[in-house]
Amino acid sequence: MDSTPSTRTLVHNLVGAATPPLSFRVDNASAGTDPVGRFTAFAWRVVGTLLWTPLHLVCPVVRSLANTGIEFRVSYQASVDYLRSVVLSGGSCGPSAAAPLRTASPDWSDPAGTVNPYEHLYTGPLDNSITRTAIFPCPAHIREGAYGFDPFVDSRTFNPAGGDGGFEADCECDPSYNWVWPQLKVGIVSA
């Protein structure tokens, strides 16, 4: 498809010389694959110690001393054709103040690094998968309960016909048509 872009005023008068025609390809094909988000490893430790204790990815339980801060190390992979973004969150079924926290660089991953392990926005057409490890500290005041971690993985595919009033109604619209949101739950109990 060819198009000749131009700059026009509000009353549609041409401003300056027209630019040469641009060629572009309209790809209205299916995304090809569904997003994949999966956990690859999960571990915990007492804050200030070096050794991590690995946990199972199914129904993990941490037995921790009361009033002791702990940290979780969450490793995951995310991929899809046309990857748009990944956001890794931590939460709880209790008050939001009890949710596992994010930490700042360089202590946000193990080993320490400069690549944000909590969020990723695609950088180009070949950026379709990531592998990250993130640290979530849980302060000593966090008590027994159920906690969880979940990466939201979505594709940048969209419905060119709209279907939701999206791009036709609002250029700021950012619908997500193709996504996955896996969850890893963990129980924390006092030892």
Protein backbone atom coordinates (compact mmCIF):
# COMPACT_ATOMS: atom_id res chain seq x y z
CA MET A 1 0.00 0.00 0.00
CA ASP A 2 1.34 3.46 -0.85
CA SER A 3 0.52 6.67 0.91
CA THR A 4 1.61 10.25 0.39
CA PRO A 5 1.86 11.96 3.80
CA SER A 6 1.41 15.71 3.97
CA THR A 7 1.00 18.42 6.56
CA ARG A 8 -2.23 20.38 6.44
CA THR A 9 -3.79 23.21 8.42
CA LEU A 10 -7.07 22.86 10.28
CA VAL A 11 -8.92 23.97 7.14
CA HIS A 12 -7.05 21.34 5.08
CA ASN A 13 -4.73 23.69 3.18
CA LEU A 14 -1.47 22.01 2.21
CA VAL A 15 1.55 23.40 4.11
CA GLY A 16 4.90 23.11 2.33
CA ALA A 17 5.85 20.51 -0.25
CA ALA A 18 4.37 17.04 -0.13
CA THR A 19 6.73 14.26 0.93
CA PRO A 20 7.49 11.31 -1.35
CA PRO A 21 5.09 8.35 -1.16
CA LEU A 22 5.64 5.89 1.71
CA SER A 23 5.17 2.17 1.25
CA PHE A 24 3.90 0.07 4.13
CA ARG A 25 2.42 -3.37 4.64
CA VAL A 26 -0.93 -3.90 6.34
CA ASP A 27 -0.75 -7.14 8.30
CA ASN A 28 -4.24 -8.21 9.25
CA ALA A 29 -3.16 -11.78 9.96
CA SER A 30 -3.73 -13.57 13.23
CA ALA A 31 -1.08 -13.03 15.89
CA GLY A 32 0.06 -16.60 15.32
CA THR A 33 0.53 -17.59 18.94
CA ASP A 34 -1.10 -16.89 22.24
CA PRO A 35 1.00 -15.14 24.89
CA VAL A 36 2.97 -17.38 27.21
CA GLY A 37 3.90 -16.41 30.74
CA ARG A 38 5.43 -19.02 33.00
CA PHE A 39 7.35 -19.20 36.22
CA THR A 40 10.71 -20.93 35.99
CA ALA A 41 11.92 -20.78 39.62
CA PHE A 42 10.78 -19.52 43.00
CA ALA A 43 12.80 -19.12 46.21
CA TRP A 44 12.87 -17.22 49.51
CA ARG A 45 15.36 -16.13 52.16
CA VAL A 46 15.53 -14.13 55.36
CA VAL A 47 16.50 -10.50 54.68
CA GLY A 48 20.26 -10.02 55.07
CA THR A 49 21.22 -13.65 54.39
CA LEU A 50 22.86 -14.93 51.22
CA LEU A 51 21.35 -18.38 50.66
CA TRP A 52 18.03 -18.85 48.88
CA THR A 53 15.68 -21.71 49.77
CA PRO A 54 14.02 -23.06 46.60
CA LEU A 55 10.26 -23.59 46.62
CA HIS A 56 7.97 -25.73 44.49
CA LEU A 57 5.90 -23.89 41.90
CA VAL A 58 2.73 -25.68 43.06
CA CYS A 59 1.27 -24.72 46.47
CA PRO A 60 4.51 -23.38 48.02
CA VAL A 61 4.52 -22.62 51.75
CA VAL A 62 7.13 -20.56 53.63
CA ARG A 63 7.60 -21.17 57.35
CA SER A 64 9.16 -18.00 58.71
CA LEU A 65 9.97 -16.72 62.20
CA ALA A 66 7.58 -14.06 63.48
CA ASN A 67 8.73 -10.45 62.99
CA THR A 68 11.38 -11.48 60.46
CA GLY A 69 11.61 -9.83 57.07
CA ILE A 70 11.87 -12.16 54.10
CA GLU A 71 12.49 -11.82 50.37
CA PHE A 72 11.09 -13.75 47.43
CA ARG A 73 13.03 -14.38 44.22
CA VAL A 74 10.66 -14.88 41.28
CA SER A 75 12.01 -16.10 37.93
CA TYR A 76 9.77 -16.07 34.87
CA GLN A 77 9.62 -16.09 31.09
CA ALA A 78 7.19 -14.28 28.81
CA SER A 79 6.79 -14.53 25.05
CA VAL A 80 4.36 -14.00 22.21
CA ASP A 81 4.55 -12.97 18.57
CA TYR A 82 4.27 -9.18 18.61
CA LEU A 83 5.03 -8.86 22.34
CA ARG A 84 3.91 -5.49 23.66
CA SER A 85 4.55 -5.50 27.39
CA VAL A 86 5.06 -7.48 30.57
CA VAL A 87 4.31 -6.26 34.11
CA LEU A 88 5.17 -8.45 37.14
CA SER A 89 3.19 -7.66 40.30
CA GLY A 90 3.03 -8.94 43.85
CA GLY A 91 -0.11 -8.92 45.97
CA SER A 92 -2.02 -10.40 48.86
CA CYS A 93 -5.58 -11.25 49.76
CA GLY A 94 -5.34 -8.84 52.71
CA PRO A 95 -4.83 -5.08 52.84
CA SER A 96 -2.74 -3.59 50.04
CA ALA A 97 -0.16 -2.46 52.61
CA ALA A 98 0.60 -6.14 53.17
CA ALA A 99 1.55 -6.83 49.53
CA PRO A 100 5.11 -7.85 48.65
CA LEU A 101 7.04 -4.77 47.57
CA ARG A 102 9.19 -3.89 44.60
CA THR A 103 12.74 -2.81 45.31
CA ALA A 104 15.05 -0.38 43.55
CA SER A 105 17.98 -1.01 41.21
CA PRO A 106 20.46 -2.67 41.49
CA ASP A 107 18.96 -4.81 44.29
CA TRP A 108 15.81 -5.62 42.31
CA SER A 109 17.24 -8.79 40.82
CA ASP A 110 19.66 -11.56 41.67
CA PRO A 111 22.30 -11.18 40.48
CA ALA A 112 21.98 -7.40 40.74
CA GLY A 113 21.46 -5.72 37.41
CA THR A 114 20.29 -2.67 35.53
CA VAL A 115 17.46 -4.32 33.53
CA ASN A 116 14.07 -3.74 35.18
CA PRO A 117 12.70 -7.19 36.16
CA TYR A 118 9.21 -5.88 36.96
CA GLU A 119 8.26 -4.21 33.67
CA HIS A 120 9.16 -4.50 30.01
CA LEU A 121 7.86 -2.63 26.96
CA TYR A 122 8.88 -3.94 23.55
CA THR A 123 11.78 -2.19 21.87
CA GLY A 124 11.39 -3.42 18.27
CA PRO A 125 9.88 -6.01 15.95
CA LEU A 126 12.21 -8.81 17.09
CA ASP A 127 11.64 -8.18 20.82
CA ASN A 128 9.15 -10.99 21.42
CA SER A 129 10.35 -12.75 24.59
CA ILE A 130 12.02 -11.99 27.91
CA THR A 131 13.47 -13.94 30.83
CA ARG A 132 13.74 -12.13 34.16
CA THR A 133 14.35 -12.70 37.87
CA ALA A 134 12.89 -10.22 40.35
CA ILE A 135 13.21 -9.72 44.10
CA PHE A 136 10.18 -8.89 46.27
CA PRO A 137 10.97 -7.95 49.88
CA CYS A 138 8.32 -8.61 52.51
CA PRO A 139 8.96 -6.50 55.63
CA ALA A 140 8.81 -8.03 59.11
CA HIS A 141 5.30 -6.63 59.74
CA ILE A 142 3.85 -8.80 56.93
CA ARG A 143 2.12 -11.66 58.62
CA GLU A 144 0.74 -15.06 57.90
CA GLY A 145 -1.44 -15.24 54.86
CA ALA A 146 -1.72 -15.87 51.16
CA TYR A 147 0.43 -13.88 48.75
CA GLY A 148 0.88 -14.04 45.02
CA PHE A 149 2.94 -13.00 42.02
CA ASP A 150 1.65 -12.54 38.49
CA PRO A 151 3.15 -11.38 35.21
CA PHE A 152 0.64 -9.76 32.84
CA VAL A 153 1.87 -10.53 29.29
CA ASP A 154 0.18 -8.95 26.28
CA SER A 155 0.57 -8.68 22.55
CA ARG A 156 0.54 -5.51 20.48
CA THR A 157 -1.91 -7.06 18.00
CA PHE A 158 -5.18 -5.18 17.64
CA ASN A 159 -8.44 -5.32 15.76
CA PRO A 160 -8.08 -2.84 12.87
CA ALA A 161 -11.87 -2.75 12.53
CA GLY A 162 -12.15 -1.53 16.12
CA GLY A 163 -14.87 -3.70 17.54
CA ASP A 164 -14.61 -1.83 20.83
CA GLY A 165 -14.82 1.72 19.51
CA GLY A 166 -11.08 1.85 20.23
CA PHE A 167 -8.92 3.57 17.65
CA GLU A 168 -11.96 4.84 15.76
CA ALA A 169 -13.25 6.72 18.80
CA ASP A 170 -10.06 7.72 20.63
CA CYS A 171 -6.45 7.73 19.45
CA GLU A 172 -5.39 7.41 23.12
CA CYS A 173 -7.21 4.06 23.39
CA ASP A 174 -4.88 1.18 24.27
CA PRO A 175 -6.88 -2.06 24.11
CA SER A 176 -5.29 -5.40 24.82
CA TYR A 177 -6.83 -8.14 22.71
CA ASN A 178 -4.38 -10.96 23.28
CA TRP A 179 -3.00 -11.49 26.80
CA VAL A 180 -2.27 -14.00 29.57
CA TRP A 181 -1.99 -13.48 33.34
CA PRO A 182 -0.49 -16.54 35.10
CA GLN A 183 -0.43 -16.56 38.89
CA LEU A 184 1.82 -18.08 41.52
CA LYS A 185 0.38 -18.18 45.04
CA VAL A 186 2.38 -18.76 48.21
CA GLY A 187 1.38 -19.22 51.84
CA ILE A 188 3.41 -17.62 54.64
CA VAL A 189 3.02 -19.18 58.10
CA SER A 190 4.89 -18.57 61.36
CA ALA A 191 7.30 -21.33 62.33
